[in-house]
Protein backbone atom coordinates (compact mmCIF):
# COMPACT_ATOMS: atom_id res chain seq x y z
CA MET A 1 12.32 7.33 20.06
CA GLN A 2 10.67 4.33 18.46
CA ILE A 3 8.02 2.10 18.88
CA LYS A 4 6.85 -0.97 17.43
CA ASN A 5 3.58 -0.12 16.14
CA ARG A 6 2.25 -3.65 15.24
CA GLU A 7 4.28 -6.96 13.58
CA ASP A 8 5.86 -6.78 10.42
CA ARG A 9 6.50 -9.69 7.52
CA PHE A 10 10.00 -7.60 7.14
CA ILE A 11 13.11 -9.31 8.61
CA PRO A 12 15.11 -6.28 9.95
CA LEU A 13 18.48 -8.53 9.84
CA ARG A 14 21.01 -9.06 6.85
CA LYS A 15 20.79 -12.68 5.45
CA VAL A 16 24.59 -12.51 6.57
CA ASP A 17 23.56 -11.91 9.89
CA VAL A 18 21.29 -14.78 9.69
CA ILE A 19 23.62 -17.31 8.19
CA GLN A 20 25.93 -16.66 11.15
CA ALA A 21 23.54 -16.63 14.13
CA CYS A 22 21.98 -19.72 13.14
CA ILE A 23 25.50 -21.30 12.50
CA GLY A 24 26.31 -19.26 16.12
CA MET A 25 23.97 -21.76 18.01
CA ASP A 26 26.24 -24.12 17.82
CA LYS A 27 23.37 -27.07 17.02
CA LEU A 28 25.08 -28.33 14.03
CA PRO A 29 28.57 -30.33 14.11
CA ASN A 30 31.48 -28.67 12.51
CA GLU A 31 31.49 -30.26 9.10
CA SER A 32 27.94 -29.62 9.19
CA SER A 33 28.15 -26.03 9.88
CA GLU A 34 30.38 -25.83 6.55
CA GLN A 35 28.02 -27.58 4.62
CA PHE A 36 25.00 -25.10 5.84
CA GLN A 37 26.79 -22.03 4.92
CA LEU A 38 27.51 -23.45 1.27
CA LEU A 39 23.82 -25.04 1.10
CA SER A 40 22.80 -21.10 1.95
CA GLN A 41 24.97 -19.75 -0.47
CA LEU A 42 23.47 -22.43 -3.10
CA ILE A 43 19.68 -21.27 -1.78
CA ILE A 44 20.90 -17.34 -2.28
CA SER A 45 22.43 -18.25 -6.04
CA THR A 46 19.28 -19.37 -6.98
CA LEU A 47 17.09 -16.98 -5.69
CA HIS A 48 19.35 -14.35 -7.11
CA PHE A 49 18.68 -16.08 -10.74
CA GLU A 50 15.34 -16.14 -10.22
CA PHE A 51 14.84 -12.32 -9.21
CA HIS A 52 17.26 -11.30 -12.10
CA GLN A 53 14.55 -12.78 -14.47
CA ASN A 54 11.92 -10.84 -12.49
CA LEU A 55 14.04 -7.72 -12.97
CA GLU A 56 14.30 -8.16 -17.14
CA VAL A 57 10.53 -8.53 -17.17
CA LEU A 58 9.60 -5.34 -15.28
CA LYS A 59 12.27 -3.49 -17.51
CA ASP A 60 10.52 -4.62 -20.09
CA SER A 61 6.90 -4.14 -19.82
CA TYR A 62 7.79 -0.51 -18.38
CA ALA A 63 9.86 0.43 -20.97
CA PRO A 64 7.33 2.47 -23.33
CA PHE A 65 5.86 4.33 -20.03
CA ASP A 66 9.07 5.65 -18.53
CA PRO A 67 9.78 9.48 -18.75
CA ASN A 68 13.42 9.07 -17.87
CA SER A 69 14.20 6.87 -20.71
CA ASP A 70 17.99 7.04 -22.47
CA THR A 71 17.11 4.68 -25.05
CA HIS A 72 15.68 5.03 -28.65
CA SER A 73 12.43 2.95 -28.99
CA ILE A 74 12.29 1.20 -32.14
CA LYS A 75 8.70 -0.18 -31.79
CA VAL A 76 5.19 1.91 -31.75
CA PHE A 77 2.86 -0.19 -29.34
CA SER A 78 -0.90 -0.25 -30.47
CA GLU A 79 -3.46 0.84 -27.90
CA ASP A 80 -3.91 -2.65 -26.79
CA GLU A 81 -0.23 -3.44 -26.65
CA LEU A 82 0.53 -0.88 -24.09
CA LYS A 83 -2.37 -2.01 -21.93
CA ALA A 84 -1.11 -5.66 -22.19
CA LYS A 85 2.68 -4.10 -21.07
CA GLN A 86 0.63 -2.19 -18.30
CA ASN A 87 -1.26 -5.48 -16.81
CA VAL A 88 1.71 -7.31 -17.17
CA PHE A 89 4.15 -4.82 -15.14
CA ALA A 90 1.36 -3.90 -12.63
CA LYS A 91 1.57 -7.68 -11.46
CA ALA A 92 5.08 -8.11 -11.56
CA PHE A 93 5.67 -4.97 -9.57
CA THR A 94 3.16 -5.98 -7.30
CA GLN A 95 4.57 -9.54 -6.72
CA VAL A 96 8.15 -7.90 -6.30
CA LEU A 97 6.49 -5.53 -3.47
CA ASN A 98 4.88 -8.71 -1.51
CA ALA A 99 8.59 -10.76 -1.97
CA ALA A 100 10.07 -7.44 -0.43
CA ASN A 101 7.52 -7.64 2.45
CA PHE A 102 5.56 -4.38 1.65
CA GLU A 103 2.08 -4.00 2.71
CA LYS A 104 -0.46 -1.75 0.55
CA ILE A 105 -1.71 1.04 2.25
CA THR A 106 -5.11 1.52 2.31
CA GLU A 107 -7.38 4.23 0.69
CA GLN A 108 -8.49 4.96 4.49
CA ASP A 109 -4.77 5.62 5.37
CA LEU A 110 -4.30 8.27 2.51
CA ARG A 111 -7.52 9.93 3.65
CA ASP A 112 -6.23 10.15 7.23
CA ALA A 113 -3.05 11.59 5.88
CA LEU A 114 -4.87 14.32 4.43
CA GLU A 115 -6.99 15.41 7.08
CA GLU A 116 -4.09 15.03 9.96
CA GLU A 117 -2.06 17.86 10.50
CA SER A 118 1.52 17.83 8.75
CA LEU A 119 4.35 17.53 11.24
CA PHE A 120 6.39 19.99 8.58
CA LYS A 121 3.50 22.64 8.88
CA VAL A 122 2.70 22.59 5.45
CA ARG A 123 -0.57 22.29 3.88
CA LEU A 124 -0.93 20.28 0.45
CA ALA A 125 -3.62 19.87 -1.98
CA VAL A 126 -3.75 16.87 -4.17
CA GLU A 127 -5.79 16.80 -7.46
CA PHE A 128 -6.51 12.93 -7.53
CA ASN A 129 -8.24 13.28 -10.69
CA ASP A 130 -5.33 13.48 -12.46
CA PHE A 131 -4.35 9.73 -12.18
CA SER A 132 -5.85 6.90 -13.53
CA GLU A 133 -4.05 4.43 -11.36
CA MET A 134 -2.78 5.31 -7.61
CA VAL A 135 -1.31 2.78 -5.11
CA PHE A 136 1.02 3.54 -2.46
CA TYR A 137 2.76 0.36 -0.51
CA ARG A 138 4.89 0.66 2.92
CA ARG A 139 7.19 -1.51 5.11
CA GLY A 140 8.23 -0.88 8.61
CA GLU A 141 5.20 0.50 10.43
CA TYR A 142 5.78 2.19 14.28
CA GLN A 143 5.34 4.62 16.71
CA LYS A 144 7.71 7.47 16.56
CA THR A 145 8.06 10.07 19.21
CA GLU A 146 9.70 13.90 18.35
CA THR A 147 9.62 17.10 19.92
CA ILE A 148 8.26 19.91 17.62
CA LYS A 149 9.07 23.50 18.38
CA LYS A 150 6.13 26.13 18.38
CA TRP A 151 5.62 30.17 18.71
CA TRP A 152 9.32 30.86 17.13
CA GLY A 153 10.73 28.34 19.49
CA LEU A 154 9.20 29.50 22.56
CA LYS A 155 7.27 26.49 23.30
CA LYS A 156 7.78 22.84 22.89
CA ASP A 157 5.46 20.06 22.25
CA THR A 158 6.02 16.17 22.19
CA VAL A 159 4.17 14.51 19.71
CA THR A 160 3.84 10.48 18.54
CA PHE A 161 3.14 9.57 15.28
CA THR A 162 2.64 6.63 12.93
CA ASN A 163 5.77 6.32 10.75
CA TYR A 164 6.69 3.94 7.99
CA ASP A 165 10.24 2.90 7.26
CA LYS A 166 9.85 2.79 3.01
CA VAL A 167 7.06 4.01 0.84
CA ALA A 168 6.54 2.91 -2.65
CA VAL A 169 4.70 5.07 -4.84
CA TYR A 170 2.93 3.89 -8.08
CA ILE A 171 1.12 6.17 -10.41
CA LYS A 172 -0.47 6.71 -13.63
CA PHE A 173 -1.07 9.72 -15.37
CA LYS A 174 -4.22 10.26 -17.37
CA ASP A 175 -3.82 10.96 -21.15
CA LYS A 176 -3.42 14.13 -22.67
CA GLU A 177 -7.03 14.27 -24.11
CA TYR A 178 -7.77 14.60 -20.24
CA PHE A 179 -5.69 17.61 -19.53
CA LYS A 180 -6.43 19.52 -22.61
CA GLU A 181 -10.15 18.69 -21.94
CA HIS A 182 -9.81 20.32 -18.47
CA ASN A 183 -7.30 22.84 -19.39
CA LYS A 184 -4.68 22.02 -16.79
CA ALA A 185 -1.24 22.92 -17.12
CA ILE A 186 1.30 20.06 -17.63
CA ASN A 187 4.51 20.57 -15.47
CA ASN A 188 7.23 18.10 -15.04
CA PHE A 189 5.71 14.91 -16.00
CA GLU A 190 4.23 13.30 -19.13
CA PRO A 191 0.64 12.46 -19.49
CA GLY A 192 0.00 8.69 -19.57
CA SER A 193 3.30 7.97 -18.06
CA THR A 194 3.59 5.73 -15.26
CA ILE A 195 5.86 7.06 -12.28
CA ILE A 196 7.47 4.84 -9.53
CA LYS A 197 9.26 6.28 -6.59
CA LEU A 198 10.71 5.08 -3.43
CA PHE A 199 10.81 7.02 -0.06
CA GLN A 200 12.06 6.51 3.61
CA ASN A 201 11.12 7.84 7.03
CA VAL A 202 8.01 8.92 5.98
CA PRO A 203 5.24 10.13 8.98
CA LYS A 204 1.91 8.61 7.98
CA ALA A 205 0.28 12.41 8.37
CA ASP A 206 2.53 13.33 5.46
CA LEU A 207 1.98 11.10 2.97
CA GLU A 208 0.12 13.71 0.60
CA MET A 209 3.94 15.43 0.08
CA LEU A 210 4.81 12.18 -2.02
CA PHE A 211 2.51 12.73 -4.91
CA PRO A 212 3.89 14.49 -8.15
CA ASN A 213 0.86 17.06 -8.20
CA SER A 214 0.96 18.15 -4.38
CA GLU A 215 0.64 22.16 -4.22
CA VAL A 216 1.37 23.87 -1.00
CA ARG A 217 -1.76 25.98 0.35
CA MET A 218 -1.83 28.16 3.06
CA ARG A 219 -2.86 27.23 6.05
CA THR A 220 -5.66 28.97 8.52
CA ILE A 221 -3.23 29.95 11.03
CA ASP A 222 -0.89 31.47 8.37
CA LYS A 223 -3.89 33.32 6.86
CA VAL A 224 -4.89 34.87 10.08
CA ILE A 225 -0.95 35.70 10.71
CA ILE A 226 -0.79 37.79 7.07
CA GLY A 227 -4.42 39.02 7.30
CA GLY A 228 -3.58 40.38 10.78
CA SER A 229 -0.48 42.04 10.07
CA ALA A 230 -2.08 43.49 6.85
CA VAL A 231 -4.84 44.65 8.91
CA ALA A 232 -3.12 46.38 11.44
CA GLY A 233 -0.17 47.90 9.08
CA GLY A 234 -3.14 49.23 6.74
CA ALA A 235 -4.66 50.76 9.62
CA VAL A 236 -1.61 52.56 10.54
CA VAL A 237 -0.57 53.77 7.24
CA LEU A 238 -4.36 54.98 6.62
CA VAL A 239 -4.07 56.79 9.88
CA THR A 240 -0.35 58.28 9.55
CA LYS A 241 0.19 58.39 5.96
CA LEU A 242 -2.91 59.14 3.63
CA GLY A 243 -4.85 61.17 6.19
CA ALA A 244 -4.56 64.28 4.28
CA SER A 245 -5.12 62.42 0.80
CA LEU A 246 -8.20 60.82 2.38
CA VAL A 247 -9.73 64.26 3.17
CA VAL A 248 -9.16 65.41 -0.29
CA LEU A 249 -10.73 62.49 -1.78
CA ALA A 250 -13.46 62.43 0.71
CA GLY A 251 -14.42 66.34 -0.33
CA LEU A 252 -14.23 64.64 -4.12
CA PHE A 253 -16.90 61.97 -3.73
CA SER A 254 -18.79 64.12 -1.42
CA PHE A 255 -19.11 66.90 -4.53
CA TRP A 256 -19.91 64.22 -7.22
CA LEU A 257 -22.05 62.33 -5.56
CA GLY A 258 -24.42 65.10 -4.56
CA LEU A 259 -23.83 65.16 -0.73
CA SER A 260 -22.26 68.24 -0.29
CA ASP A 261 -22.41 71.41 -2.65
CA LYS A 262 -19.01 72.75 -2.02
CA LEU A 263 -17.14 72.79 -5.18
CA VAL A 264 -13.66 71.18 -4.51
CA THR A 265 -10.80 72.20 -6.17
CA ILE A 266 -7.24 70.62 -6.27
CA SER A 267 -4.40 72.29 -6.39
CA SER A 268 -0.94 71.09 -7.46
CA GLN A 269 0.44 70.82 -3.82
CA GLN A 270 -3.09 68.44 -3.17
CA LEU A 271 -2.20 66.39 -6.30
CA ILE A 272 1.09 65.69 -4.73
CA VAL A 273 -0.28 64.56 -1.64
CA LEU A 274 -3.01 62.52 -3.69
CA GLY A 275 0.06 61.08 -5.58
CA THR A 276 2.41 60.42 -2.86
CA GLY A 277 -0.87 58.92 -0.79
CA VAL A 278 -1.67 56.46 -4.20
CA GLY A 279 2.12 55.41 -4.06
CA ILE A 280 2.46 54.56 -0.30
CA LEU A 281 -0.67 52.46 -1.06
CA GLY A 282 0.50 50.62 -3.89
CA GLY A 283 3.95 50.23 -1.73
CA PHE A 284 2.18 49.04 1.17
CA ILE A 285 -0.17 46.42 -0.97
CA PHE A 286 3.29 45.20 -2.62
CA LYS A 287 4.97 44.79 0.77
CA GLU A 288 1.77 42.68 1.88
CA TRP A 289 1.68 40.47 -1.25
CA SER A 290 5.63 39.62 -1.37
CA LYS A 291 4.92 38.55 2.70
CA PHE A 292 2.61 36.27 1.60
CA LYS A 293 4.84 35.35 -1.62
CA ASN A 294 8.17 34.72 0.51
CA ARG A 295 6.18 32.92 3.14
CA LYS A 296 4.91 30.19 0.48
CA LEU A 297 8.19 30.18 -0.94
CA ARG A 298 9.79 29.04 2.51
CA PHE A 299 6.76 26.18 2.85
CA MET A 300 8.28 24.92 -0.81
CA LYS A 301 11.71 24.85 0.53
CA ALA A 302 10.47 23.11 3.42
CA LEU A 303 8.84 20.45 1.16
CA ALA A 304 11.71 20.42 -1.46
CA ASP A 305 14.51 20.00 1.39
CA ASN A 306 12.40 17.29 3.20
CA LEU A 307 11.67 15.20 0.05
CA TYR A 308 15.54 15.39 -1.09
CA PHE A 309 16.05 13.02 2.01
CA LYS A 310 13.39 11.17 2.07
CA ASN A 311 13.84 10.38 -2.04
CA LEU A 312 15.72 6.84 -2.60
CA ASP A 313 15.48 5.74 -6.19
CA ASN A 314 12.59 7.04 -8.94
CA ASN A 315 11.08 5.28 -11.86
CA ALA A 316 13.63 2.28 -13.19
CA GLY A 317 15.77 2.81 -10.71
CA VAL A 318 13.17 1.41 -7.85
CA PHE A 319 13.22 -1.92 -9.77
CA HIS A 320 16.90 -2.67 -8.71
CA HIS A 321 16.15 -1.68 -5.02
CA LEU A 322 13.16 -3.65 -4.86
CA ILE A 323 14.40 -6.77 -6.37
CA ASP A 324 17.66 -7.01 -4.06
CA ALA A 325 15.06 -5.98 -1.24
CA ALA A 326 12.66 -9.02 -2.24
CA GLU A 327 15.71 -11.17 -2.83
CA GLU A 328 17.03 -10.72 0.95
CA GLU A 329 13.38 -11.24 2.34
CA GLU A 330 12.97 -14.80 -0.16
CA CYS A 331 16.91 -15.84 1.58
CA LYS A 332 16.31 -14.89 4.90
CA GLU A 333 12.97 -17.23 5.27
CA ALA A 334 14.27 -20.07 2.93
CA ILE A 335 17.55 -20.40 4.99
CA LEU A 336 15.54 -19.84 8.76
CA ALA A 337 12.95 -22.49 7.60
CA PHE A 338 15.32 -25.19 6.50
CA TYR A 339 17.54 -24.44 9.46
CA PHE A 340 15.10 -25.04 12.00
CA LEU A 341 13.37 -28.27 10.13
CA THR A 342 17.01 -29.57 10.07
CA VAL A 343 18.40 -29.07 14.00
CA ASP A 344 15.00 -29.67 15.47
CA GLY A 345 13.29 -31.99 13.10
CA PRO A 346 10.07 -32.30 11.45
CA MET A 347 7.31 -30.03 12.53
CA SER A 348 4.15 -28.56 10.86
CA SER A 349 3.93 -25.27 9.61
CA LYS A 350 2.37 -23.76 12.66
CA GLN A 351 5.14 -25.26 14.73
CA LEU A 352 7.43 -23.90 12.55
CA ASP A 353 6.16 -20.61 12.41
CA THR A 354 6.11 -20.27 15.98
CA ARG A 355 9.47 -21.53 16.25
CA ILE A 356 10.93 -19.09 14.50
CA GLU A 357 9.01 -16.01 15.32
CA ALA A 358 9.78 -16.76 18.95
CA TRP A 359 13.79 -17.01 18.06
CA LEU A 360 13.91 -14.12 16.44
CA GLU A 361 12.46 -12.12 19.48
CA SER A 362 14.67 -13.78 21.88
CA GLN A 363 17.51 -13.47 19.89
CA PHE A 364 17.42 -10.35 18.11
CA LYS A 365 14.10 -8.60 20.23
CA VAL A 366 12.37 -8.13 16.93
CA LYS A 367 8.80 -9.09 16.66
CA VAL A 368 8.06 -10.85 12.70
CA ASP A 369 5.14 -12.39 11.09
CA PHE A 370 6.93 -14.69 9.79
CA GLU A 371 5.89 -15.94 6.06
CA ILE A 372 6.14 -19.20 6.75
CA SER A 373 3.96 -20.40 3.84
CA ASP A 374 6.31 -18.61 1.37
CA ALA A 375 9.42 -20.09 3.12
CA LEU A 376 8.08 -23.50 2.66
CA SER A 377 6.80 -22.93 -0.82
CA LYS A 378 9.84 -22.22 -2.09
CA LEU A 379 12.08 -25.49 -0.33
CA LEU A 380 9.26 -27.27 -1.38
CA ARG A 381 9.61 -26.26 -5.21
CA PHE A 382 13.45 -26.46 -4.56
CA GLY A 383 13.27 -30.06 -3.69
CA ILE A 384 15.09 -29.77 -0.19
CA VAL A 385 11.86 -30.10 1.90
CA VAL A 386 9.35 -32.66 1.92
CA LYS A 387 5.72 -32.73 3.16
CA GLN A 388 4.45 -35.80 5.11
CA ASN A 389 1.27 -36.18 6.98
CA HIS A 390 1.13 -32.32 7.23
CA HIS A 391 5.07 -32.05 8.65
CA TYR A 392 7.76 -30.74 6.83
CA HIS A 393 11.11 -32.58 6.67
CA ALA A 394 14.37 -31.29 5.29
CA LEU A 395 16.65 -33.15 3.32
CA PRO A 396 20.00 -33.77 4.81
CA ILE A 397 22.32 -31.06 3.86
CA ASP A 398 24.30 -32.90 1.75
CA ALA A 399 21.35 -34.16 -0.14
CA ALA A 400 19.99 -30.63 -0.38
CA GLN A 401 23.35 -29.39 -1.59
CA LYS A 402 23.49 -32.06 -4.54
CA GLN A 403 19.64 -31.06 -5.25
CA LEU A 404 19.81 -27.48 -5.48
CA ASP A 405 23.37 -28.70 -8.02
CA THR A 406 21.24 -30.64 -9.92
CA ARG A 407 18.38 -27.98 -10.30
CA TRP A 408 21.03 -25.44 -10.98
CA ASP A 409 22.48 -27.57 -13.82
CA SER A 410 19.35 -28.12 -15.42
CA ILE A 411 18.11 -24.32 -15.43
CA PHE A 412 20.77 -24.23 -18.56
CA ASN A 413 20.06 -27.69 -20.06
CA CYS A 414 18.22 -27.01 -23.83
């Protein structure tokens, strides 16, 4: 079960469905409905071109740091050039995330995640000092309720937790000198590289599993179970298997320490008993160690299985996913703002914002913190909305079409 936690900027609808819902309100004449649909396609095409340019900026600025690049680099960048590229990338990446209506996860949220018990019963440790930069973003926050089995399925508990629809991870590792200085192993990553990952359906309490250097650790309850089993098993072994061997060893130690004057002689039969006892003890220790390793392997498998289904994309592939998401959001915002200015007449920013949010809630039962300022800034930039006396006026649909046609043609004029 999912319960909305708070309003998000994200509009959980496809832009095609938004357009059809607007037309379905029958507030436009038939010919105007067709014109509005064409105008919507012009808005979509214009924004698609703009976001394609953003994609190229991301790809170019990220190329020197991409750990999965399959192309040859023909230029060696200086430290200053790399820093400049990193700054350009960080700024462009943040802008795309904001356009896609992602929110930054605060440091407090990350600290809470490390302190809360994992829903997957896996305890993880993260070495934050390995990173020079670390930023998490999320979209779609809500309360989720699930039933979790305990005590080998004998008990079931219902838990409610905060869940994120999408989580984007941006991490830059420190350089080689840091890992060499601290004598740290380098596994599955390149020092100085920047990794980008996108996940879905992530509980807030399990954010630490998204870190690339997280290590599985035993929980207290697991240590108690294994330790208790080892103590109980060890006592049984001592009493039933090693009794004879302990008697021989006790006599030897007493004589060597001067606690007894009785000389202990070890026969071949006693040597066999001692050897058997050592073998049994070694076998028992190996068995308990294997149980510990196997339990840790099960935890690691649970973590890997969980991440397998949550991972959506990695590194440069994330750009395409986010660019598409950002383009969808920008299109929906612009189309909705223009539509309601057309059918309801001039409005202030606040009036338009309230009108669209109320319509989304009544029509689709979704609460959205609509990005009115972003929507209006796009329409003003396109020249299809004008502002007069704190009110916004939409151009007639045919005039808006001509304006966008003219603007599109001017893009390629040299």
